[in-house]
Amino acid sequence: MGMVDVYNIQGDKVSEIELSPDIFDVPVKNHILHQVVVMQLANRRSGTASTKGRSDVRGGGGKPYRQKGTGRARAGTIRSPLMRGGGTVFGPSPRSFALKVSKKIRKQALRMALATKRRDEDLLILDRFDLGEIKTKRFVEAMKSLKTDNALIVTDAANETLELSSGNVPDVKVLRAEGLNVYDILKFKRLVLLESAIKQIEKRLLP
């Protein structure tokens, strides 16, 4: 697929790199991307919503009032959903929303997401992202130099300086290569890859 430019954090071109066409130049199938994104979002749901049914509510051992002569409908327990403080009808209970997608499809979707960024020219490759010290101002200046304000930055390893410097900046996320996923790639406008992270991505996604 040809060579791709590599930049520094000042926005200057410093070299070129060849990207694997088996990852960054594959046909994109939207239904596969949709399937994997739905799976990711479903698996993030806690599923802890819970209510008490009539058998779970405390009290209600006797009739709230006599059967006849009151002019009211008969009632056998204060735990009835008709009573204030009674049980809930068809309320939610703890459950798992987890969905399963095969490993093959997940890898395929990740390749497609990367190919989408490459196709739309929203992929930026940096030689490194070295700020020197933990400083949000420096990080913001670097992002301005790169003309980027909504980005997913993928590193090859833990980079505490970069992670802490970007922590308070909106619409920016720093992610390590092993955690790269379809949802985050598509969520952010631009994908910023460190040159050293590309080898890890290729090792993970190439057959």
Protein backbone atom coordinates (compact mmCIF):
# COMPACT_ATOMS: atom_id res chain seq x y z
CA MET A 1 0.00 0.00 0.00
CA GLY A 2 3.05 2.26 -0.17
CA MET A 3 4.93 4.26 2.39
CA VAL A 4 3.31 6.40 5.07
CA ASP A 5 4.85 9.53 6.57
CA VAL A 6 6.06 9.54 10.17
CA TYR A 7 6.00 12.81 12.12
CA ASN A 8 7.39 14.18 15.38
CA ILE A 9 5.30 16.01 17.97
CA GLN A 10 6.18 19.34 16.34
CA GLY A 11 4.31 18.20 13.25
CA ASP A 12 7.42 17.80 11.07
CA LYS A 13 7.98 14.79 8.84
CA VAL A 14 10.97 12.77 10.03
CA SER A 15 10.76 9.46 8.14
CA GLU A 16 8.51 6.96 6.40
CA ILE A 17 7.15 3.53 7.28
CA GLU A 18 5.44 0.80 5.31
CA LEU A 19 2.16 -0.46 6.77
CA SER A 20 0.97 -4.01 6.25
CA PRO A 21 -1.83 -4.15 3.64
CA ASP A 22 -3.25 -7.18 5.48
CA ILE A 23 -4.19 -4.84 8.33
CA PHE A 24 -4.47 -1.29 7.02
CA ASP A 25 -5.87 -1.99 3.56
CA VAL A 26 -8.61 -4.60 3.99
CA PRO A 27 -12.21 -4.32 2.71
CA VAL A 28 -14.49 -2.74 5.31
CA LYS A 29 -17.79 -4.42 6.17
CA ASN A 30 -19.95 -2.19 8.32
CA HIS A 31 -22.10 -5.00 9.69
CA ILE A 32 -19.05 -6.67 11.24
CA LEU A 33 -17.93 -3.40 12.85
CA HIS A 34 -21.47 -2.91 14.17
CA GLN A 35 -21.58 -6.43 15.59
CA VAL A 36 -18.33 -6.00 17.52
CA VAL A 37 -19.19 -2.51 18.81
CA VAL A 38 -22.57 -3.76 20.09
CA MET A 39 -20.77 -6.64 21.80
CA GLN A 40 -18.28 -4.29 23.48
CA LEU A 41 -20.95 -1.92 24.76
CA ALA A 42 -23.15 -4.77 25.97
CA ASN A 43 -20.25 -6.33 27.87
CA ARG A 44 -19.64 -3.03 29.66
CA ARG A 45 -23.12 -3.03 31.18
CA SER A 46 -23.09 -3.95 34.84
CA GLY A 47 -26.55 -5.54 34.85
CA THR A 48 -27.04 -4.79 38.56
CA ALA A 49 -30.45 -3.04 38.33
CA SER A 50 -32.79 -4.72 40.80
CA THR A 51 -36.25 -4.28 42.30
CA LYS A 52 -38.27 -6.22 44.87
CA GLY A 53 -41.28 -8.26 43.86
CA ARG A 54 -44.25 -8.87 46.18
CA SER A 55 -42.52 -11.90 47.69
CA ASP A 56 -39.42 -9.82 48.56
CA VAL A 57 -41.09 -6.86 50.28
CA ARG A 58 -41.09 -6.83 54.05
CA GLY A 59 -44.39 -7.18 55.93
CA GLY A 60 -47.82 -8.20 54.74
CA GLY A 61 -48.49 -11.09 57.10
CA GLY A 62 -52.16 -10.21 57.57
CA LYS A 63 -54.98 -8.61 55.64
CA PRO A 64 -54.73 -4.80 55.61
CA TYR A 65 -58.47 -4.52 56.31
CA ARG A 66 -61.50 -6.79 56.52
CA GLN A 67 -62.84 -8.58 53.48
CA LYS A 68 -66.36 -7.12 53.37
CA GLY A 69 -68.22 -4.03 54.35
CA THR A 70 -65.67 -1.37 53.53
CA GLY A 71 -66.78 -0.58 50.00
CA ARG A 72 -63.24 -1.17 48.81
CA ALA A 73 -61.84 -3.97 46.72
CA ARG A 74 -60.74 -6.96 48.76
CA ALA A 75 -57.03 -7.08 49.60
CA GLY A 76 -55.00 -9.90 51.08
CA THR A 77 -51.61 -8.27 51.68
CA ILE A 78 -49.93 -4.88 51.78
CA ARG A 79 -47.18 -6.35 49.62
CA SER A 80 -49.47 -6.19 46.59
CA PRO A 81 -48.18 -4.00 43.73
CA LEU A 82 -51.42 -1.99 44.13
CA MET A 83 -50.36 -0.85 47.59
CA ARG A 84 -47.94 1.93 48.35
CA GLY A 85 -44.62 0.33 49.28
CA GLY A 86 -45.69 -2.95 47.72
CA GLY A 87 -43.74 -5.08 45.29
CA THR A 88 -42.88 -4.12 41.73
CA VAL A 89 -44.44 -5.88 38.77
CA PHE A 90 -42.01 -7.06 36.07
CA GLY A 91 -39.19 -4.97 37.53
CA PRO A 92 -35.55 -5.51 36.53
CA SER A 93 -33.41 -8.09 38.28
CA PRO A 94 -29.64 -8.68 38.12
CA ARG A 95 -28.63 -10.21 34.81
CA SER A 96 -25.74 -10.46 32.39
CA PHE A 97 -25.92 -8.56 29.11
CA ALA A 98 -22.73 -10.16 27.80
CA LEU A 99 -22.60 -11.09 24.13
CA LYS A 100 -20.11 -13.40 22.47
CA VAL A 101 -18.32 -12.84 19.19
CA SER A 102 -15.68 -15.21 17.87
CA LYS A 103 -12.03 -14.29 18.12
CA LYS A 104 -11.74 -14.43 14.33
CA ILE A 105 -14.50 -11.83 13.87
CA ARG A 106 -13.02 -9.57 16.57
CA LYS A 107 -9.64 -9.57 14.83
CA GLN A 108 -11.29 -8.97 11.48
CA ALA A 109 -13.25 -6.00 12.87
CA LEU A 110 -10.09 -4.51 14.40
CA ARG A 111 -8.34 -4.67 11.03
CA MET A 112 -11.34 -3.02 9.40
CA ALA A 113 -11.41 -0.22 11.98
CA LEU A 114 -7.72 0.50 11.35
CA ALA A 115 -8.30 0.37 7.59
CA THR A 116 -11.15 2.86 7.97
CA LYS A 117 -8.85 5.41 9.62
CA ARG A 118 -6.21 4.85 6.95
CA ARG A 119 -8.77 5.20 4.14
CA ASP A 120 -10.26 8.38 5.60
CA GLU A 121 -6.78 9.87 6.18
CA ASP A 122 -7.43 10.08 9.90
CA LEU A 123 -4.33 8.03 10.77
CA LEU A 124 -1.27 9.83 12.13
CA ILE A 125 2.00 8.06 12.93
CA LEU A 126 4.52 9.62 15.35
CA ASP A 127 8.11 8.58 15.95
CA ARG A 128 7.58 9.12 19.69
CA PHE A 129 5.57 11.26 22.11
CA ASP A 130 8.14 12.53 24.58
CA LEU A 131 7.00 15.51 26.67
CA GLY A 132 9.95 15.46 29.06
CA GLU A 133 7.80 16.10 32.12
CA ILE A 134 4.22 15.75 33.30
CA LYS A 135 2.71 18.96 31.97
CA THR A 136 -0.76 19.37 30.51
CA LYS A 137 0.26 22.62 28.81
CA ARG A 138 3.01 20.86 26.86
CA PHE A 139 0.63 18.13 25.79
CA VAL A 140 -1.93 20.68 24.56
CA GLU A 141 0.79 22.53 22.62
CA ALA A 142 1.87 19.27 20.99
CA MET A 143 -1.70 18.47 19.96
CA LYS A 144 -2.04 21.94 18.43
CA SER A 145 1.16 21.38 16.46
CA LEU A 146 -0.32 18.13 15.16
CA LYS A 147 -3.63 19.93 14.39
CA THR A 148 -5.48 17.31 16.39
CA ASP A 149 -8.06 17.82 19.14
CA ASN A 150 -10.04 14.58 19.15
CA ALA A 151 -7.74 11.60 19.14
CA LEU A 152 -6.94 8.13 20.39
CA ILE A 153 -3.21 7.87 21.07
CA VAL A 154 -1.82 4.33 21.03
CA THR A 155 1.50 3.61 22.74
CA ASP A 156 3.62 0.47 22.82
CA ALA A 157 4.07 0.45 26.60
CA ALA A 158 3.17 2.37 29.74
CA ASN A 159 3.95 6.07 29.37
CA GLU A 160 3.08 7.71 32.68
CA THR A 161 4.18 11.17 31.56
CA LEU A 162 1.89 11.10 28.53
CA GLU A 163 -1.01 9.45 30.35
CA LEU A 164 -1.00 11.94 33.23
CA SER A 165 -0.39 14.97 31.01
CA SER A 166 -3.42 14.13 28.88
CA GLY A 167 -5.69 13.12 31.76
CA ASN A 168 -7.55 16.46 31.97
CA VAL A 169 -7.76 17.09 28.23
CA PRO A 170 -11.25 16.36 26.81
CA ASP A 171 -11.75 14.17 23.74
CA VAL A 172 -8.32 12.56 24.08
CA LYS A 173 -7.51 9.05 25.26
CA VAL A 174 -4.14 7.33 25.67
CA LEU A 175 -4.28 3.57 25.20
CA ARG A 176 -1.64 0.85 25.16
CA ALA A 177 -1.41 -1.36 22.09
CA GLU A 178 -2.62 -4.47 23.90
CA GLY A 179 -5.87 -2.67 24.78
CA LEU A 180 -6.63 -1.46 21.25
CA ASN A 181 -10.28 -2.08 20.39
CA VAL A 182 -12.82 -1.32 17.68
CA TYR A 183 -15.08 0.96 19.74
CA ASP A 184 -12.32 3.36 20.79
CA ILE A 185 -10.86 3.52 17.28
CA LEU A 186 -14.22 4.50 15.80
CA LYS A 187 -15.23 6.78 18.66
CA PHE A 188 -12.38 9.25 18.19
CA LYS A 189 -11.93 11.33 15.05
CA ARG A 190 -8.22 10.67 14.68
CA LEU A 191 -6.01 7.69 15.44
CA VAL A 192 -2.47 8.51 16.52
CA LEU A 193 -0.07 5.54 16.52
CA LEU A 194 3.44 5.60 17.89
CA GLU A 195 5.81 3.96 15.45
CA SER A 196 6.91 1.45 18.09
CA ALA A 197 3.28 0.37 18.68
CA ILE A 198 2.75 -0.69 15.07
CA LYS A 199 4.93 -3.80 15.50
CA GLN A 200 2.79 -4.91 18.44
CA ILE A 201 -0.39 -4.35 16.44
CA GLU A 202 0.95 -6.33 13.50
CA LYS A 203 2.08 -9.15 15.76
CA ARG A 204 -1.42 -9.31 17.23
CA LEU A 205 -3.40 -9.12 13.99
CA LEU A 206 -1.32 -10.79 11.32
CA PRO A 207 -1.98 -14.52 10.77
